[in-house]
Amino acid sequence: MDNGDILIFEEITKFAINKFDLKTDKFHGKSFEITYSEYRNDDDDDFITYTIEKLELA
């Protein structure tokens, strides 16, 4: 992120997993554009879950 914030992603969609084999070193050091969703817990507005929806090589 441009402002220095760090996001921790709890989930990743199967679409994003299947597009790139991230368990290998093939993409080590590469930059990605990440499309993600933000989900707020109805019981606790301070609890937010981030899910990676889409990955593209930058």
PDB file of N, CA and C in Angstrom:
ATOM      1  N   MET A   1       0.836  -1.175   0.000  1.00  0.00           N
ATOM      2  CA  MET A   1       0.000   0.000   0.000  1.00  0.00           C
ATOM      3  C   MET A   1       0.881   1.238   0.000  1.00  0.00           C
ATOM      4  N   ASP A   2       0.382   2.275  -0.592  1.00  0.00           N
ATOM      5  CA  ASP A   2       1.161   3.503  -0.713  1.00  0.00           C
ATOM      6  C   ASP A   2       1.391   4.205   0.619  1.00  0.00           C
ATOM      7  N   ASN A   3       0.482   4.007   1.580  1.00  0.00           N
ATOM      8  CA  ASN A   3       0.604   4.719   2.848  1.00  0.00           C
ATOM      9  C   ASN A   3       1.384   3.935   3.899  1.00  0.00           C
ATOM     10  N   GLY A   4       1.917   2.766   3.526  1.00  0.00           N
ATOM     11  CA  GLY A   4       2.726   1.990   4.449  1.00  0.00           C
ATOM     12  C   GLY A   4       1.935   1.030   5.316  1.00  0.00           C
ATOM     13  N   ASP A   5       0.609   1.024   5.217  1.00  0.00           N
ATOM     14  CA  ASP A   5      -0.197   0.081   5.982  1.00  0.00           C
ATOM     15  C   ASP A   5       0.046  -1.337   5.484  1.00  0.00           C
ATOM     16  N   ILE A   6      -0.089  -2.286   6.372  1.00  0.00           N
ATOM     17  CA  ILE A   6       0.053  -3.694   6.029  1.00  0.00           C
ATOM     18  C   ILE A   6      -1.296  -4.372   6.222  1.00  0.00           C
ATOM     19  N   LEU A   7      -1.722  -5.128   5.207  1.00  0.00           N
ATOM     20  CA  LEU A   7      -2.954  -5.905   5.305  1.00  0.00           C
ATOM     21  C   LEU A   7      -2.594  -7.373   5.422  1.00  0.00           C
ATOM     22  N   ILE A   8      -3.315  -8.081   6.270  1.00  0.00           N
ATOM     23  CA  ILE A   8      -3.146  -9.520   6.393  1.00  0.00           C
ATOM     24  C   ILE A   8      -4.372 -10.162   5.769  1.00  0.00           C
ATOM     25  N   PHE A   9      -4.145 -10.960   4.737  1.00  0.00           N
ATOM     26  CA  PHE A   9      -5.242 -11.604   4.027  1.00  0.00           C
ATOM     27  C   PHE A   9      -5.536 -12.951   4.663  1.00  0.00           C
ATOM     28  N   GLU A  10      -6.799 -13.153   5.028  1.00  0.00           N
ATOM     29  CA  GLU A  10      -7.223 -14.389   5.674  1.00  0.00           C
ATOM     30  C   GLU A  10      -7.595 -15.463   4.661  1.00  0.00           C
ATOM     31  N   GLU A  11      -8.026 -15.054   3.477  1.00  0.00           N
ATOM     32  CA  GLU A  11      -8.512 -16.002   2.484  1.00  0.00           C
ATOM     33  C   GLU A  11      -8.050 -15.593   1.093  1.00  0.00           C
ATOM     34  N   ILE A  12      -8.079 -16.562   0.174  1.00  0.00           N
ATOM     35  CA  ILE A  12      -7.792 -16.302  -1.228  1.00  0.00           C
ATOM     36  C   ILE A  12      -8.751 -17.166  -2.045  1.00  0.00           C
ATOM     37  N   THR A  13      -9.332 -16.594  -3.083  1.00  0.00           N
ATOM     38  CA  THR A  13     -10.284 -17.350  -3.890  1.00  0.00           C
ATOM     39  C   THR A  13      -9.570 -18.408  -4.720  1.00  0.00           C
ATOM     40  N   LYS A  14     -10.299 -19.455  -5.091  1.00  0.00           N
ATOM     41  CA  LYS A  14      -9.728 -20.525  -5.920  1.00  0.00           C
ATOM     42  C   LYS A  14      -9.269 -19.979  -7.275  1.00  0.00           C
ATOM     43  N   PHE A  15      -9.972 -18.974  -7.784  1.00  0.00           N
ATOM     44  CA  PHE A  15      -9.574 -18.351  -9.055  1.00  0.00           C
ATOM     45  C   PHE A  15      -8.155 -17.806  -8.957  1.00  0.00           C
ATOM     46  N   ALA A  16      -7.867 -17.095  -7.878  1.00  0.00           N
ATOM     47  CA  ALA A  16      -6.536 -16.504  -7.705  1.00  0.00           C
ATOM     48  C   ALA A  16      -5.487 -17.578  -7.449  1.00  0.00           C
ATOM     49  N   ILE A  17      -5.838 -18.609  -6.711  1.00  0.00           N
ATOM     50  CA  ILE A  17      -4.891 -19.695  -6.433  1.00  0.00           C
ATOM     51  C   ILE A  17      -4.540 -20.440  -7.716  1.00  0.00           C
ATOM     52  N   ASN A  18      -5.539 -20.728  -8.522  1.00  0.00           N
ATOM     53  CA  ASN A  18      -5.326 -21.540  -9.722  1.00  0.00           C
ATOM     54  C   ASN A  18      -4.584 -20.798 -10.833  1.00  0.00           C
ATOM     55  N   LYS A  19      -4.627 -19.490 -10.831  1.00  0.00           N
ATOM     56  CA  LYS A  19      -3.980 -18.726 -11.907  1.00  0.00           C
ATOM     57  C   LYS A  19      -2.453 -18.759 -11.802  1.00  0.00           C
ATOM     58  N   PHE A  20      -1.935 -18.730 -10.577  1.00  0.00           N
ATOM     59  CA  PHE A  20      -0.493 -18.714 -10.356  1.00  0.00           C
ATOM     60  C   PHE A  20      -0.117 -19.809  -9.363  1.00  0.00           C
ATOM     61  N   ASP A  21       0.969 -20.513  -9.638  1.00  0.00           N
ATOM     62  CA  ASP A  21       1.466 -21.526  -8.711  1.00  0.00           C
ATOM     63  C   ASP A  21       2.408 -20.826  -7.732  1.00  0.00           C
ATOM     64  N   LEU A  22       1.847 -20.310  -6.664  1.00  0.00           N
ATOM     65  CA  LEU A  22       2.626 -19.492  -5.731  1.00  0.00           C
ATOM     66  C   LEU A  22       3.457 -20.314  -4.758  1.00  0.00           C
ATOM     67  N   LYS A  23       3.322 -21.626  -4.797  1.00  0.00           N
ATOM     68  CA  LYS A  23       4.121 -22.470  -3.908  1.00  0.00           C
ATOM     69  C   LYS A  23       5.525 -22.697  -4.449  1.00  0.00           C
ATOM     70  N   THR A  24       5.765 -22.363  -5.701  1.00  0.00           N
ATOM     71  CA  THR A  24       7.098 -22.498  -6.293  1.00  0.00           C
ATOM     72  C   THR A  24       7.812 -21.146  -6.235  1.00  0.00           C
ATOM     73  N   ASP A  25       9.056 -21.135  -6.630  1.00  0.00           N
ATOM     74  CA  ASP A  25       9.832 -19.885  -6.648  1.00  0.00           C
ATOM     75  C   ASP A  25       9.687 -19.127  -7.961  1.00  0.00           C
ATOM     76  N   LYS A  26       8.828 -19.609  -8.848  1.00  0.00           N
ATOM     77  CA  LYS A  26       8.684 -19.010 -10.181  1.00  0.00           C
ATOM     78  C   LYS A  26       8.355 -17.515 -10.127  1.00  0.00           C
ATOM     79  N   PHE A  27       7.575 -17.097  -9.153  1.00  0.00           N
ATOM     80  CA  PHE A  27       7.149 -15.700  -9.065  1.00  0.00           C
ATOM     81  C   PHE A  27       7.840 -14.953  -7.920  1.00  0.00           C
ATOM     82  N   HIS A  28       8.887 -15.551  -7.363  1.00  0.00           N
ATOM     83  CA  HIS A  28       9.628 -14.903  -6.281  1.00  0.00           C
ATOM     84  C   HIS A  28      10.202 -13.578  -6.777  1.00  0.00           C
ATOM     85  N   GLY A  29       9.966 -12.511  -6.041  1.00  0.00           N
ATOM     86  CA  GLY A  29      10.474 -11.193  -6.408  1.00  0.00           C
ATOM     87  C   GLY A  29       9.606 -10.445  -7.404  1.00  0.00           C
ATOM     88  N   LYS A  30       8.507 -11.046  -7.834  1.00  0.00           N
ATOM     89  CA  LYS A  30       7.599 -10.395  -8.780  1.00  0.00           C
ATOM     90  C   LYS A  30       6.585  -9.550  -8.023  1.00  0.00           C
ATOM     91  N   SER A  31       6.071  -8.529  -8.679  1.00  0.00           N
ATOM     92  CA  SER A  31       5.042  -7.676  -8.096  1.00  0.00           C
ATOM     93  C   SER A  31       3.685  -8.036  -8.686  1.00  0.00           C
ATOM     94  N   PHE A  32       2.684  -7.984  -7.849  1.00  0.00           N
ATOM     95  CA  PHE A  32       1.323  -8.296  -8.264  1.00  0.00           C
ATOM     96  C   PHE A  32       0.401  -7.128  -7.965  1.00  0.00           C
ATOM     97  N   GLU A  33      -0.598  -6.956  -8.809  1.00  0.00           N
ATOM     98  CA  GLU A  33      -1.717  -6.083  -8.498  1.00  0.00           C
ATOM     99  C   GLU A  33      -2.765  -6.980  -7.855  1.00  0.00           C
ATOM    100  N   ILE A  34      -3.246  -6.584  -6.694  1.00  0.00           N
ATOM    101  CA  ILE A  34      -4.170  -7.411  -5.927  1.00  0.00           C
ATOM    102  C   ILE A  34      -5.537  -6.740  -5.880  1.00  0.00           C
ATOM    103  N   THR A  35      -6.562  -7.514  -6.233  1.00  0.00           N
ATOM    104  CA  THR A  35      -7.941  -7.081  -6.046  1.00  0.00           C
ATOM    105  C   THR A  35      -8.465  -7.846  -4.838  1.00  0.00           C
ATOM    106  N   TYR A  36      -8.971  -7.134  -3.849  1.00  0.00           N
ATOM    107  CA  TYR A  36      -9.410  -7.803  -2.625  1.00  0.00           C
ATOM    108  C   TYR A  36     -10.742  -7.252  -2.143  1.00  0.00           C
ATOM    109  N   SER A  37     -11.369  -8.040  -1.282  1.00  0.00           N
ATOM    110  CA  SER A  37     -12.632  -7.642  -0.656  1.00  0.00           C
ATOM    111  C   SER A  37     -12.416  -7.493   0.838  1.00  0.00           C
ATOM    112  N   GLU A  38     -13.203  -6.608   1.411  1.00  0.00           N
ATOM    113  CA  GLU A  38     -13.134  -6.351   2.844  1.00  0.00           C
ATOM    114  C   GLU A  38     -14.471  -6.747   3.455  1.00  0.00           C
ATOM    115  N   TYR A  39     -14.428  -7.600   4.467  1.00  0.00           N
ATOM    116  CA  TYR A  39     -15.648  -8.052   5.135  1.00  0.00           C
ATOM    117  C   TYR A  39     -15.592  -7.664   6.598  1.00  0.00           C
ATOM    118  N   ARG A  40     -16.630  -7.012   7.057  1.00  0.00           N
ATOM    119  CA  ARG A  40     -16.720  -6.619   8.473  1.00  0.00           C
ATOM    120  C   ARG A  40     -17.625  -7.594   9.214  1.00  0.00           C
ATOM    121  N   ASN A  41     -17.218  -7.933  10.420  1.00  0.00           N
ATOM    122  CA  ASN A  41     -18.007  -8.801  11.274  1.00  0.00           C
ATOM    123  C   ASN A  41     -19.183  -8.003  11.816  1.00  0.00           C
ATOM    124  N   ASP A  42     -20.393  -8.532  11.693  1.00  0.00           N
ATOM    125  CA  ASP A  42     -21.590  -7.828  12.168  1.00  0.00           C
ATOM    126  C   ASP A  42     -21.567  -7.591  13.670  1.00  0.00           C
ATOM    127  N   ASP A  43     -20.927  -8.496  14.417  1.00  0.00           N
ATOM    128  CA  ASP A  43     -20.897  -8.376  15.875  1.00  0.00           C
ATOM    129  C   ASP A  43     -19.792  -7.452  16.373  1.00  0.00           C
ATOM    130  N   ASP A  44     -18.762  -7.264  15.574  1.00  0.00           N
ATOM    131  CA  ASP A  44     -17.604  -6.475  16.003  1.00  0.00           C
ATOM    132  C   ASP A  44     -17.074  -5.684  14.808  1.00  0.00           C
ATOM    133  N   ASP A  45     -17.413  -4.388  14.742  1.00  0.00           N
ATOM    134  CA  ASP A  45     -17.003  -3.549  13.613  1.00  0.00           C
ATOM    135  C   ASP A  45     -15.492  -3.402  13.491  1.00  0.00           C
ATOM    136  N   ASP A  46     -14.753  -3.678  14.564  1.00  0.00           N
ATOM    137  CA  ASP A  46     -13.297  -3.569  14.522  1.00  0.00           C
ATOM    138  C   ASP A  46     -12.647  -4.792  13.883  1.00  0.00           C
ATOM    139  N   PHE A  47     -13.404  -5.882  13.718  1.00  0.00           N
ATOM    140  CA  PHE A  47     -12.861  -7.108  13.133  1.00  0.00           C
ATOM    141  C   PHE A  47     -13.157  -7.124  11.644  1.00  0.00           C
ATOM    142  N   ILE A  48     -12.102  -7.059  10.836  1.00  0.00           N
ATOM    143  CA  ILE A  48     -12.231  -7.022   9.378  1.00  0.00           C
ATOM    144  C   ILE A  48     -11.442  -8.185   8.792  1.00  0.00           C
ATOM    145  N   THR A  49     -12.035  -8.888   7.835  1.00  0.00           N
ATOM    146  CA  THR A  49     -11.370  -9.966   7.121  1.00  0.00           C
ATOM    147  C   THR A  49     -11.136  -9.514   5.689  1.00  0.00           C
ATOM    148  N   TYR A  50      -9.925  -9.739   5.195  1.00  0.00           N
ATOM    149  CA  TYR A  50      -9.587  -9.395   3.813  1.00  0.00           C
ATOM    150  C   TYR A  50      -9.418 -10.682   3.007  1.00  0.00           C
ATOM    151  N   THR A  51     -10.016 -10.716   1.812  1.00  0.00           N
ATOM    152  CA  THR A  51      -9.928 -11.862   0.922  1.00  0.00           C
ATOM    153  C   THR A  51      -9.355 -11.426  -0.409  1.00  0.00           C
ATOM    154  N   ILE A  52      -8.318 -12.126  -0.882  1.00  0.00           N
ATOM    155  CA  ILE A  52      -7.770 -11.856  -2.208  1.00  0.00           C
ATOM    156  C   ILE A  52      -8.726 -12.445  -3.236  1.00  0.00           C
ATOM    157  N   GLU A  53      -9.236 -11.593  -4.119  1.00  0.00           N
ATOM    158  CA  GLU A  53     -10.167 -12.016  -5.162  1.00  0.00           C
ATOM    159  C   GLU A  53      -9.459 -12.308  -6.478  1.00  0.00           C
ATOM    160  N   LYS A  54      -8.431 -11.496  -6.785  1.00  0.00           N
ATOM    161  CA  LYS A  54      -7.777 -11.599  -8.086  1.00  0.00           C
ATOM    162  C   LYS A  54      -6.338 -11.141  -7.980  1.00  0.00           C
ATOM    163  N   LEU A  55      -5.446 -11.837  -8.694  1.00  0.00           N
ATOM    164  CA  LEU A  55      -4.034 -11.463  -8.780  1.00  0.00           C
ATOM    165  C   LEU A  55      -3.667 -11.263 -10.247  1.00  0.00           C
ATOM    166  N   GLU A  56      -2.891 -10.241 -10.526  1.00  0.00           N
ATOM    167  CA  GLU A  56      -2.348  -9.978 -11.870  1.00  0.00           C
ATOM    168  C   GLU A  56      -0.897  -9.559 -11.704  1.00  0.00           C
ATOM    169  N   LEU A  57      -0.030 -10.048 -12.582  1.00  0.00           N
ATOM    170  CA  LEU A  57       1.354  -9.579 -12.547  1.00  0.00           C
ATOM    171  C   LEU A  57       1.390  -8.098 -12.884  1.00  0.00           C
ATOM    172  N   ALA A  58       2.147  -7.340 -12.120  1.00  0.00           N
ATOM    173  CA  ALA A  58       2.231  -5.894 -12.321  1.00  0.00           C
ATOM    174  C   ALA A  58       3.199  -5.565 -13.440  1.00  0.00           C
TER     175      ALA A  58
END
